[in-house]
N, C-alpha and C. Protein backbone atom coordinates (compact mmCIF):
# COMPACT_ATOMS: atom_id res chain seq x y z
N UNK A 1 63.12 67.40 78.85
CA UNK A 1 63.29 66.23 79.71
C UNK A 1 62.29 65.15 79.32
N UNK A 2 62.77 63.93 79.06
CA UNK A 2 61.91 62.83 78.64
C UNK A 2 61.21 62.17 79.81
N UNK A 3 60.33 61.24 79.49
CA UNK A 3 59.58 60.52 80.52
C UNK A 3 60.50 59.73 81.43
N UNK A 4 61.54 59.12 80.85
CA UNK A 4 62.47 58.35 81.67
C UNK A 4 63.14 59.23 82.72
N UNK A 5 63.67 60.39 82.28
CA UNK A 5 64.36 61.29 83.19
C UNK A 5 63.42 61.86 84.26
N UNK A 6 62.17 62.04 83.88
CA UNK A 6 61.23 62.68 84.82
C UNK A 6 60.64 61.69 85.81
N UNK A 7 60.30 60.48 85.36
CA UNK A 7 59.52 59.58 86.21
C UNK A 7 60.28 58.34 86.69
N UNK A 8 61.22 57.84 85.90
CA UNK A 8 61.92 56.61 86.27
C UNK A 8 63.28 56.86 86.90
N UNK A 9 64.02 57.82 86.36
CA UNK A 9 65.37 58.06 86.86
C UNK A 9 65.40 58.53 88.32
N UNK A 10 64.56 59.47 88.75
CA UNK A 10 64.64 59.93 90.15
C UNK A 10 64.50 58.81 91.18
N UNK A 11 63.50 57.91 91.07
CA UNK A 11 63.46 56.83 92.07
C UNK A 11 64.63 55.87 91.98
N UNK A 12 65.14 55.62 90.76
CA UNK A 12 66.31 54.75 90.62
C UNK A 12 67.53 55.36 91.29
N UNK A 13 67.76 56.66 91.06
CA UNK A 13 68.89 57.33 91.68
C UNK A 13 68.75 57.38 93.19
N UNK A 14 67.54 57.67 93.65
CA UNK A 14 67.31 57.75 95.09
C UNK A 14 67.60 56.42 95.77
N UNK A 15 67.17 55.33 95.13
CA UNK A 15 67.43 54.00 95.69
C UNK A 15 68.92 53.68 95.70
N UNK A 16 69.60 53.99 94.58
CA UNK A 16 71.04 53.71 94.51
C UNK A 16 71.82 54.52 95.53
N UNK A 17 71.43 55.78 95.74
CA UNK A 17 72.15 56.65 96.65
C UNK A 17 71.87 56.35 98.12
N UNK A 18 70.93 55.48 98.40
CA UNK A 18 70.66 55.08 99.78
C UNK A 18 71.22 53.70 100.10
N UNK A 19 72.01 53.12 99.19
CA UNK A 19 72.61 51.82 99.44
C UNK A 19 73.52 51.88 100.67
N UNK A 20 73.61 50.77 101.38
CA UNK A 20 74.35 50.76 102.65
C UNK A 20 75.82 51.18 102.52
N UNK A 21 76.57 50.68 101.52
CA UNK A 21 77.97 51.11 101.43
C UNK A 21 78.12 52.61 101.21
N UNK A 22 77.22 53.19 100.42
CA UNK A 22 77.29 54.63 100.16
C UNK A 22 76.87 55.40 101.41
N UNK A 23 75.86 54.92 102.10
CA UNK A 23 75.45 55.56 103.35
C UNK A 23 76.59 55.56 104.37
N UNK A 24 77.33 54.46 104.42
CA UNK A 24 78.46 54.38 105.33
C UNK A 24 79.51 55.43 104.99
N UNK A 25 79.75 55.65 103.71
CA UNK A 25 80.70 56.68 103.29
C UNK A 25 80.20 58.07 103.68
N UNK A 26 78.92 58.31 103.55
CA UNK A 26 78.37 59.61 103.94
C UNK A 26 78.63 59.88 105.43
N UNK A 27 78.48 58.85 106.24
CA UNK A 27 78.71 59.00 107.69
C UNK A 27 80.15 59.45 107.98
N UNK A 28 81.08 59.06 107.12
CA UNK A 28 82.48 59.42 107.32
C UNK A 28 82.74 60.89 107.04
N UNK A 29 82.15 61.42 105.97
CA UNK A 29 82.59 62.72 105.47
C UNK A 29 81.67 63.88 105.81
N UNK A 30 80.36 63.67 105.83
CA UNK A 30 79.43 64.79 105.98
C UNK A 30 79.60 65.51 107.31
N UNK A 31 79.84 64.83 108.44
CA UNK A 31 79.98 65.56 109.70
C UNK A 31 81.15 66.55 109.74
N UNK A 32 82.05 66.48 108.77
CA UNK A 32 83.18 67.41 108.74
C UNK A 32 82.76 68.81 108.27
N UNK A 33 81.60 68.93 107.65
CA UNK A 33 81.15 70.22 107.10
C UNK A 33 80.84 71.19 108.23
N UNK A 34 81.21 72.47 108.03
CA UNK A 34 80.94 73.47 109.06
C UNK A 34 80.76 74.84 108.43
N UNK A 35 80.13 75.72 109.22
CA UNK A 35 79.91 77.09 108.78
C UNK A 35 78.83 77.18 107.72
N UNK A 36 79.08 78.02 106.74
CA UNK A 36 78.15 78.19 105.62
C UNK A 36 78.53 77.17 104.55
N UNK A 37 77.64 76.21 104.35
CA UNK A 37 77.94 75.03 103.54
C UNK A 37 77.19 75.08 102.22
N UNK A 38 77.87 74.74 101.14
CA UNK A 38 77.26 74.56 99.84
C UNK A 38 77.36 73.08 99.48
N UNK A 39 76.21 72.41 99.37
CA UNK A 39 76.21 71.02 98.94
C UNK A 39 75.87 70.97 97.45
N UNK A 40 76.76 70.39 96.67
CA UNK A 40 76.60 70.26 95.23
C UNK A 40 75.92 68.93 94.94
N UNK A 41 74.78 68.98 94.23
CA UNK A 41 74.06 67.76 93.93
C UNK A 41 73.33 67.23 95.15
N UNK A 42 72.47 68.05 95.72
CA UNK A 42 71.76 67.72 96.96
C UNK A 42 70.86 66.50 96.79
N UNK A 43 70.34 66.29 95.59
CA UNK A 43 69.53 65.12 95.30
C UNK A 43 68.32 65.01 96.21
N UNK A 44 68.09 63.83 96.75
CA UNK A 44 66.95 63.59 97.64
C UNK A 44 67.30 63.82 99.10
N UNK A 45 68.43 64.48 99.36
CA UNK A 45 68.78 64.86 100.73
C UNK A 45 69.37 63.75 101.57
N UNK A 46 70.05 62.79 100.93
CA UNK A 46 70.58 61.65 101.69
C UNK A 46 71.67 62.05 102.68
N UNK A 47 72.33 63.19 102.46
CA UNK A 47 73.36 63.63 103.40
C UNK A 47 72.80 64.30 104.65
N UNK A 48 71.57 64.77 104.59
CA UNK A 48 71.03 65.60 105.66
C UNK A 48 71.16 64.99 107.05
N UNK A 49 70.86 63.71 107.26
CA UNK A 49 70.92 63.17 108.62
C UNK A 49 72.32 63.18 109.23
N UNK A 50 73.35 63.38 108.41
CA UNK A 50 74.72 63.23 108.89
C UNK A 50 75.43 64.56 109.15
N UNK A 51 74.77 65.69 108.86
CA UNK A 51 75.36 66.98 109.21
C UNK A 51 75.36 67.16 110.72
N UNK A 52 76.40 67.81 111.22
CA UNK A 52 76.45 68.22 112.62
C UNK A 52 75.79 69.59 112.73
N UNK A 53 74.56 69.63 113.21
CA UNK A 53 73.78 70.87 113.25
C UNK A 53 74.41 71.91 114.15
N UNK A 54 75.29 71.50 115.07
CA UNK A 54 75.95 72.47 115.95
C UNK A 54 77.07 73.21 115.23
N UNK A 55 77.50 72.71 114.07
CA UNK A 55 78.62 73.32 113.36
C UNK A 55 78.19 74.04 112.08
N UNK A 56 76.98 73.77 111.57
CA UNK A 56 76.53 74.32 110.29
C UNK A 56 75.58 75.48 110.54
N UNK A 57 75.91 76.65 110.01
CA UNK A 57 75.07 77.83 110.21
C UNK A 57 74.08 78.06 109.07
N UNK A 58 74.41 77.57 107.89
CA UNK A 58 73.52 77.72 106.73
C UNK A 58 73.90 76.66 105.71
N UNK A 59 72.90 76.11 105.03
CA UNK A 59 73.15 75.11 104.00
C UNK A 59 72.48 75.53 102.71
N UNK A 60 73.31 75.79 101.69
CA UNK A 60 72.79 75.97 100.34
C UNK A 60 72.74 74.60 99.68
N UNK A 61 71.58 74.20 99.24
CA UNK A 61 71.38 72.88 98.63
C UNK A 61 71.20 73.07 97.13
N UNK A 62 72.26 72.84 96.36
CA UNK A 62 72.20 73.03 94.92
C UNK A 62 71.69 71.76 94.26
N UNK A 63 70.52 71.86 93.66
CA UNK A 63 69.91 70.71 93.00
C UNK A 63 68.98 71.21 91.90
N UNK A 64 69.38 71.06 90.63
CA UNK A 64 68.57 71.58 89.53
C UNK A 64 67.33 70.75 89.20
N UNK A 65 67.23 69.53 89.72
CA UNK A 65 66.10 68.66 89.37
C UNK A 65 64.92 68.89 90.32
N UNK A 66 63.81 69.34 89.75
CA UNK A 66 62.60 69.52 90.56
C UNK A 66 62.15 68.20 91.18
N UNK A 67 62.29 67.12 90.43
CA UNK A 67 61.84 65.82 90.92
C UNK A 67 62.68 65.37 92.13
N UNK A 68 63.97 65.62 92.09
CA UNK A 68 64.81 65.24 93.22
C UNK A 68 64.56 66.14 94.42
N UNK A 69 64.32 67.42 94.20
CA UNK A 69 63.99 68.31 95.32
C UNK A 69 62.70 67.87 95.99
N UNK A 70 61.73 67.42 95.19
CA UNK A 70 60.47 66.93 95.77
C UNK A 70 60.73 65.70 96.63
N UNK A 71 61.63 64.84 96.21
CA UNK A 71 61.94 63.64 96.99
C UNK A 71 62.68 63.99 98.28
N UNK A 72 63.31 65.16 98.32
CA UNK A 72 64.02 65.58 99.51
C UNK A 72 63.12 66.23 100.55
N UNK A 73 61.87 66.50 100.20
CA UNK A 73 61.01 67.34 101.04
C UNK A 73 60.86 66.80 102.47
N UNK A 74 60.68 65.50 102.61
CA UNK A 74 60.48 64.93 103.94
C UNK A 74 61.74 65.07 104.79
N UNK A 75 62.90 64.82 104.21
CA UNK A 75 64.15 64.96 104.96
C UNK A 75 64.40 66.42 105.32
N UNK A 76 64.10 67.33 104.39
CA UNK A 76 64.28 68.76 104.66
C UNK A 76 63.38 69.20 105.82
N UNK A 77 62.14 68.75 105.82
CA UNK A 77 61.20 69.13 106.87
C UNK A 77 61.66 68.64 108.24
N UNK A 78 62.36 67.51 108.27
CA UNK A 78 62.80 66.93 109.54
C UNK A 78 64.14 67.48 110.01
N UNK A 79 64.82 68.27 109.17
CA UNK A 79 66.16 68.75 109.51
C UNK A 79 66.11 70.05 110.31
N UNK A 80 67.00 70.20 111.30
CA UNK A 80 67.08 71.46 112.04
C UNK A 80 67.89 72.54 111.32
N UNK A 81 68.48 72.20 110.18
CA UNK A 81 69.35 73.14 109.48
C UNK A 81 68.55 74.21 108.74
N UNK A 82 69.17 75.37 108.58
CA UNK A 82 68.61 76.43 107.73
C UNK A 82 69.01 76.12 106.30
N UNK A 83 68.07 75.67 105.48
CA UNK A 83 68.36 75.15 104.14
C UNK A 83 67.77 76.09 103.09
N UNK A 84 68.58 76.43 102.12
CA UNK A 84 68.16 77.29 101.01
C UNK A 84 68.48 76.57 99.70
N UNK A 85 67.46 76.29 98.90
CA UNK A 85 67.68 75.59 97.64
C UNK A 85 68.21 76.53 96.57
N UNK A 86 69.13 76.02 95.77
CA UNK A 86 69.60 76.67 94.56
C UNK A 86 69.28 75.72 93.41
N UNK A 87 68.53 76.20 92.42
CA UNK A 87 68.06 75.28 91.38
C UNK A 87 68.80 75.43 90.05
N UNK A 88 69.97 76.07 90.08
CA UNK A 88 70.77 76.16 88.87
C UNK A 88 71.78 75.02 88.85
N UNK A 89 72.29 74.68 87.68
CA UNK A 89 73.33 73.63 87.63
C UNK A 89 74.61 74.11 88.26
N UNK A 90 75.48 73.16 88.61
CA UNK A 90 76.71 73.49 89.34
C UNK A 90 77.71 74.24 88.48
N UNK A 91 77.52 74.26 87.16
CA UNK A 91 78.39 75.08 86.31
C UNK A 91 78.10 76.57 86.48
N UNK A 92 76.96 76.91 87.11
CA UNK A 92 76.59 78.31 87.33
C UNK A 92 76.06 78.43 88.76
N UNK A 93 76.95 78.67 89.71
CA UNK A 93 76.55 78.75 91.12
C UNK A 93 76.20 80.20 91.45
N UNK A 94 74.95 80.48 91.84
CA UNK A 94 74.51 81.86 92.05
C UNK A 94 74.88 82.41 93.43
N UNK A 95 76.17 82.37 93.75
CA UNK A 95 76.67 82.91 95.01
C UNK A 95 77.87 83.80 94.73
N UNK A 96 78.12 84.74 95.65
CA UNK A 96 79.27 85.61 95.51
C UNK A 96 80.56 84.83 95.74
N UNK A 97 81.64 85.36 95.25
CA UNK A 97 82.94 84.75 95.49
C UNK A 97 83.29 84.74 96.97
N UNK A 98 83.94 83.67 97.40
CA UNK A 98 84.40 83.51 98.79
C UNK A 98 83.25 83.60 99.79
N UNK A 99 82.08 83.09 99.42
CA UNK A 99 80.91 83.15 100.30
C UNK A 99 80.74 81.92 101.16
N UNK A 100 81.51 80.85 100.89
CA UNK A 100 81.22 79.53 101.45
C UNK A 100 82.40 79.04 102.28
N UNK A 101 82.10 78.51 103.47
CA UNK A 101 83.14 77.91 104.31
C UNK A 101 83.47 76.48 103.89
N UNK A 102 82.43 75.73 103.50
CA UNK A 102 82.60 74.33 103.13
C UNK A 102 81.81 74.02 101.86
N UNK A 103 82.45 73.43 100.89
CA UNK A 103 81.76 72.83 99.74
C UNK A 103 81.73 71.32 99.98
N UNK A 104 80.55 70.74 99.92
CA UNK A 104 80.41 69.29 100.06
C UNK A 104 79.91 68.73 98.74
N UNK A 105 80.61 67.73 98.22
CA UNK A 105 80.18 67.10 96.98
C UNK A 105 80.34 65.59 97.13
N UNK A 106 79.21 64.87 97.03
CA UNK A 106 79.21 63.42 97.19
C UNK A 106 78.47 62.78 96.03
N UNK A 107 79.16 61.89 95.33
CA UNK A 107 78.56 61.11 94.24
C UNK A 107 77.85 62.00 93.23
N UNK A 108 78.52 63.07 92.84
CA UNK A 108 77.95 64.06 91.93
C UNK A 108 78.88 64.41 90.79
N UNK A 109 80.20 64.44 91.02
CA UNK A 109 81.12 64.85 89.97
C UNK A 109 81.04 63.95 88.75
N UNK A 110 80.57 62.73 88.93
CA UNK A 110 80.46 61.79 87.80
C UNK A 110 79.42 62.21 86.78
N UNK A 111 78.42 63.01 87.20
CA UNK A 111 77.29 63.31 86.32
C UNK A 111 77.33 64.72 85.72
N UNK A 112 78.18 65.59 86.23
CA UNK A 112 78.17 66.99 85.76
C UNK A 112 78.75 67.05 84.35
N UNK A 113 78.01 67.60 83.38
CA UNK A 113 78.51 67.63 82.00
C UNK A 113 79.85 68.34 81.85
N UNK A 114 79.95 69.57 82.35
CA UNK A 114 81.21 70.32 82.27
C UNK A 114 81.82 70.35 83.67
N UNK A 115 82.47 69.26 84.04
CA UNK A 115 82.92 69.09 85.41
C UNK A 115 84.01 70.10 85.77
N UNK A 116 84.86 70.49 84.83
CA UNK A 116 85.92 71.44 85.15
C UNK A 116 85.35 72.83 85.39
N UNK A 117 84.35 73.22 84.64
CA UNK A 117 83.71 74.51 84.88
C UNK A 117 83.04 74.51 86.25
N UNK A 118 82.39 73.39 86.59
CA UNK A 118 81.72 73.29 87.89
C UNK A 118 82.73 73.37 89.02
N UNK A 119 83.85 72.66 88.90
CA UNK A 119 84.88 72.73 89.94
C UNK A 119 85.46 74.14 90.05
N UNK A 120 85.58 74.82 88.93
CA UNK A 120 86.04 76.20 88.97
C UNK A 120 85.08 77.10 89.72
N UNK A 121 83.79 76.86 89.55
CA UNK A 121 82.78 77.61 90.30
C UNK A 121 82.85 77.29 91.79
N UNK A 122 83.08 76.03 92.13
CA UNK A 122 83.22 75.67 93.55
C UNK A 122 84.41 76.39 94.16
N UNK A 123 85.50 76.46 93.42
CA UNK A 123 86.69 77.17 93.92
C UNK A 123 86.39 78.65 94.08
N UNK A 124 85.65 79.22 93.14
CA UNK A 124 85.35 80.66 93.19
C UNK A 124 84.56 81.02 94.44
N UNK A 125 83.56 80.21 94.79
CA UNK A 125 82.69 80.57 95.92
C UNK A 125 83.27 80.16 97.26
N UNK A 126 84.33 79.34 97.26
CA UNK A 126 84.93 78.87 98.51
C UNK A 126 85.87 79.95 99.06
N UNK A 127 85.79 80.17 100.37
CA UNK A 127 86.68 81.13 101.01
C UNK A 127 88.14 80.67 100.89
N UNK A 128 89.09 81.60 100.93
CA UNK A 128 90.50 81.20 100.82
C UNK A 128 90.92 80.17 101.86
N UNK A 129 90.32 80.23 103.06
CA UNK A 129 90.65 79.26 104.10
C UNK A 129 89.56 78.19 104.24
N UNK A 130 88.68 78.09 103.25
CA UNK A 130 87.61 77.10 103.30
C UNK A 130 88.08 75.73 102.83
N UNK A 131 87.16 74.77 102.89
CA UNK A 131 87.50 73.39 102.52
C UNK A 131 86.44 72.80 101.60
N UNK A 132 86.88 72.04 100.64
CA UNK A 132 85.99 71.16 99.90
C UNK A 132 86.08 69.76 100.51
N UNK A 133 84.93 69.16 100.78
CA UNK A 133 84.87 67.78 101.25
C UNK A 133 84.25 66.97 100.12
N UNK A 134 84.91 65.90 99.72
CA UNK A 134 84.40 65.14 98.58
C UNK A 134 84.39 63.66 98.89
N UNK A 135 83.46 62.97 98.29
CA UNK A 135 83.38 61.51 98.32
C UNK A 135 82.74 61.08 97.02
N UNK A 136 83.52 60.44 96.16
CA UNK A 136 83.09 60.17 94.79
C UNK A 136 83.58 58.80 94.34
N UNK A 137 82.84 58.19 93.42
CA UNK A 137 83.37 57.02 92.74
C UNK A 137 84.05 57.48 91.46
N UNK A 138 84.97 56.66 90.96
CA UNK A 138 85.67 57.08 89.76
C UNK A 138 86.62 56.04 89.23
N UNK A 139 87.66 56.52 88.56
CA UNK A 139 88.60 55.67 87.84
C UNK A 139 89.23 54.63 88.76
N UNK A 140 89.14 53.39 88.37
CA UNK A 140 89.72 52.30 89.15
C UNK A 140 91.23 52.19 88.88
N UNK A 141 92.00 51.72 89.86
CA UNK A 141 93.44 51.59 89.66
C UNK A 141 93.85 50.33 88.90
N UNK A 142 92.94 49.37 88.77
CA UNK A 142 93.25 48.11 88.12
C UNK A 142 92.91 48.18 86.63
N UNK A 143 93.86 47.78 85.80
CA UNK A 143 93.70 47.93 84.36
C UNK A 143 92.46 47.20 83.84
N UNK A 144 92.21 46.01 84.33
CA UNK A 144 91.05 45.25 83.86
C UNK A 144 89.74 45.92 84.22
N UNK A 145 89.64 46.43 85.44
CA UNK A 145 88.43 47.13 85.85
C UNK A 145 88.27 48.42 85.06
N UNK A 146 89.37 49.11 84.85
CA UNK A 146 89.32 50.36 84.08
C UNK A 146 88.82 50.11 82.66
N UNK A 147 89.23 49.00 82.05
CA UNK A 147 88.74 48.70 80.69
C UNK A 147 87.23 48.49 80.71
N UNK A 148 86.71 47.82 81.73
CA UNK A 148 85.26 47.64 81.83
C UNK A 148 84.56 48.97 82.05
N UNK A 149 85.16 49.86 82.80
CA UNK A 149 84.57 51.18 82.97
C UNK A 149 84.45 51.90 81.62
N UNK A 150 85.49 51.80 80.82
CA UNK A 150 85.46 52.45 79.51
C UNK A 150 84.40 51.83 78.59
N UNK A 151 84.27 50.49 78.64
CA UNK A 151 83.29 49.82 77.79
C UNK A 151 81.85 50.15 78.21
N UNK A 152 81.63 50.21 79.51
CA UNK A 152 80.26 50.33 80.01
C UNK A 152 79.77 51.77 80.11
N UNK A 153 80.67 52.74 80.14
CA UNK A 153 80.25 54.12 80.38
C UNK A 153 79.21 54.64 79.40
N UNK A 154 79.30 54.39 78.10
CA UNK A 154 78.26 54.92 77.21
C UNK A 154 76.85 54.47 77.58
N UNK A 155 76.69 53.19 77.90
CA UNK A 155 75.37 52.69 78.31
C UNK A 155 75.03 53.21 79.70
N UNK A 156 76.00 53.20 80.59
CA UNK A 156 75.77 53.65 81.98
C UNK A 156 75.30 55.10 82.00
N UNK A 157 75.90 55.94 81.16
CA UNK A 157 75.49 57.34 81.10
C UNK A 157 74.03 57.46 80.68
N UNK A 158 73.63 56.63 79.73
CA UNK A 158 72.26 56.72 79.20
C UNK A 158 71.22 56.36 80.25
N UNK A 159 71.54 55.38 81.10
CA UNK A 159 70.55 54.93 82.08
C UNK A 159 70.77 55.54 83.46
N UNK A 160 71.94 56.15 83.69
CA UNK A 160 72.27 56.64 85.02
C UNK A 160 72.37 58.14 85.15
N UNK A 161 71.64 58.87 84.32
CA UNK A 161 71.63 60.32 84.47
C UNK A 161 72.92 60.99 84.08
N UNK A 162 73.65 60.40 83.14
CA UNK A 162 74.90 61.00 82.67
C UNK A 162 76.12 60.59 83.45
N UNK A 163 76.02 59.56 84.28
CA UNK A 163 77.12 59.14 85.14
C UNK A 163 78.28 58.56 84.33
N UNK A 164 79.48 59.10 84.55
CA UNK A 164 80.72 58.57 83.99
C UNK A 164 81.35 57.65 85.02
N UNK A 165 81.65 56.42 84.64
CA UNK A 165 82.18 55.46 85.60
C UNK A 165 83.63 55.73 85.99
N UNK A 166 84.41 56.29 85.09
CA UNK A 166 85.85 56.30 85.30
C UNK A 166 86.51 57.66 85.35
N UNK A 167 85.84 58.68 85.87
CA UNK A 167 86.50 59.98 85.95
C UNK A 167 87.62 59.95 87.00
N UNK A 168 88.78 60.54 86.67
CA UNK A 168 89.93 60.56 87.60
C UNK A 168 89.75 61.68 88.63
N UNK A 169 89.02 61.43 89.66
CA UNK A 169 88.54 62.46 90.57
C UNK A 169 89.66 63.32 91.17
N UNK A 170 90.69 62.75 91.80
CA UNK A 170 91.73 63.62 92.38
C UNK A 170 92.41 64.52 91.35
N UNK A 171 92.67 63.97 90.17
CA UNK A 171 93.33 64.77 89.15
C UNK A 171 92.45 65.94 88.71
N UNK A 172 91.17 65.70 88.54
CA UNK A 172 90.26 66.76 88.15
C UNK A 172 90.23 67.87 89.21
N UNK A 173 90.17 67.46 90.48
CA UNK A 173 90.14 68.45 91.55
C UNK A 173 91.42 69.28 91.57
N UNK A 174 92.56 68.61 91.42
CA UNK A 174 93.84 69.35 91.40
C UNK A 174 93.93 70.27 90.19
N UNK A 175 93.50 69.77 89.03
CA UNK A 175 93.56 70.59 87.81
C UNK A 175 92.68 71.83 87.90
N UNK A 176 91.67 71.80 88.78
CA UNK A 176 90.78 72.95 88.95
C UNK A 176 91.33 73.97 89.95
N UNK A 177 92.53 73.73 90.48
CA UNK A 177 93.17 74.71 91.35
C UNK A 177 93.04 74.43 92.83
N UNK A 178 92.84 73.16 93.18
CA UNK A 178 92.75 72.76 94.58
C UNK A 178 94.00 71.97 94.99
N UNK A 179 94.25 71.97 96.29
CA UNK A 179 95.24 71.08 96.89
C UNK A 179 94.47 69.98 97.63
N UNK A 180 94.72 68.74 97.31
CA UNK A 180 94.00 67.62 97.91
C UNK A 180 94.72 67.16 99.16
N UNK A 181 93.99 67.05 100.26
CA UNK A 181 94.55 66.63 101.54
C UNK A 181 93.82 65.38 102.04
N UNK A 182 94.55 64.48 102.67
CA UNK A 182 93.93 63.34 103.34
C UNK A 182 93.15 62.43 102.42
N UNK A 183 93.65 62.20 101.22
CA UNK A 183 92.94 61.36 100.25
C UNK A 183 92.95 59.90 100.70
N UNK A 184 91.77 59.28 100.66
CA UNK A 184 91.64 57.85 100.93
C UNK A 184 90.91 57.19 99.76
N UNK A 185 91.18 55.92 99.53
CA UNK A 185 90.56 55.20 98.42
C UNK A 185 90.27 53.76 98.82
N UNK A 186 89.27 53.18 98.17
CA UNK A 186 88.99 51.75 98.35
C UNK A 186 87.87 51.35 97.40
N UNK A 187 87.79 50.05 97.12
CA UNK A 187 86.59 49.50 96.50
C UNK A 187 85.55 49.31 97.60
N UNK A 188 84.36 49.86 97.39
CA UNK A 188 83.32 49.70 98.38
C UNK A 188 82.83 48.26 98.38
N UNK A 189 82.75 47.64 99.55
CA UNK A 189 82.23 46.27 99.60
C UNK A 189 80.77 46.22 99.19
N UNK A 190 80.41 45.13 98.52
CA UNK A 190 79.01 44.96 98.14
C UNK A 190 78.58 45.75 96.93
N UNK A 191 79.54 46.32 96.19
CA UNK A 191 79.21 47.08 94.98
C UNK A 191 80.01 46.51 93.81
N UNK A 192 79.51 46.64 92.57
CA UNK A 192 80.29 46.17 91.42
C UNK A 192 81.61 46.94 91.34
N UNK A 193 82.69 46.22 91.06
CA UNK A 193 84.00 46.86 91.04
C UNK A 193 84.07 47.98 90.00
N UNK A 194 83.37 47.83 88.88
CA UNK A 194 83.44 48.85 87.85
C UNK A 194 82.78 50.16 88.29
N UNK A 195 81.93 50.11 89.31
CA UNK A 195 81.26 51.32 89.81
C UNK A 195 81.58 51.59 91.27
N UNK A 196 82.50 50.82 91.85
CA UNK A 196 82.66 50.86 93.29
C UNK A 196 83.97 51.39 93.82
N UNK A 197 84.85 51.92 92.94
CA UNK A 197 86.09 52.47 93.47
C UNK A 197 85.85 53.88 93.95
N UNK A 198 86.09 54.13 95.24
CA UNK A 198 85.77 55.41 95.87
C UNK A 198 87.01 56.20 96.24
N UNK A 199 86.88 57.52 96.09
CA UNK A 199 87.86 58.47 96.56
C UNK A 199 87.15 59.39 97.56
N UNK A 200 87.80 59.66 98.69
CA UNK A 200 87.23 60.67 99.59
C UNK A 200 88.35 61.37 100.34
N UNK A 201 88.06 62.61 100.72
CA UNK A 201 89.05 63.43 101.40
C UNK A 201 88.61 64.88 101.41
N UNK A 202 89.59 65.77 101.57
CA UNK A 202 89.32 67.20 101.60
C UNK A 202 90.26 67.91 100.63
N UNK A 203 89.88 69.11 100.24
CA UNK A 203 90.70 69.92 99.36
C UNK A 203 90.57 71.38 99.75
N UNK A 204 91.62 72.13 99.47
CA UNK A 204 91.63 73.57 99.73
C UNK A 204 92.12 74.29 98.50
N UNK A 205 91.82 75.56 98.41
CA UNK A 205 92.29 76.36 97.28
C UNK A 205 93.81 76.38 97.29
N UNK A 206 94.40 76.01 96.16
CA UNK A 206 95.87 76.00 96.06
C UNK A 206 96.40 77.41 95.86
């Protein structure tokens, strides 16, 4: 890990992930989580304030970055949830099959190197009647915006922790063996269109 990834990227990501439009999206989806929850890409804990503590019995917080876990410490200390950190990448989830009631993934699928393997792991650990809750940015529906996503992604990945601007989120989830329910989409107000097209909804094992 270079100096940029260790010292500059964590505060940049933390600031970006606390932007008002993204926080508003978190308020929509995070309270739906219940039971034994696995959050993929816990980061600095920006989702923590929005969990319904009366519905969540355990939270596995998967976050391989020591620097991001350190930034989450204050939010973790203030949370009433029973939180257990997992420090392996999402391509290797150290949980038994069908151990999780809810998988929550927000603004993370864009950065995972082997996203299909990671989604396969999420499906493996999710109970047959469990739910994945997702909120992600990705491929824009407008051809002009999509072309800008393709042009900018190489540079964006270099400065944004591997973030791909234009991943087709619903298709990836379906290809990994999920059924997508209640899908909603929009360009987030106040964000660049090339990085601001959002998908959110729920998915179940198909």
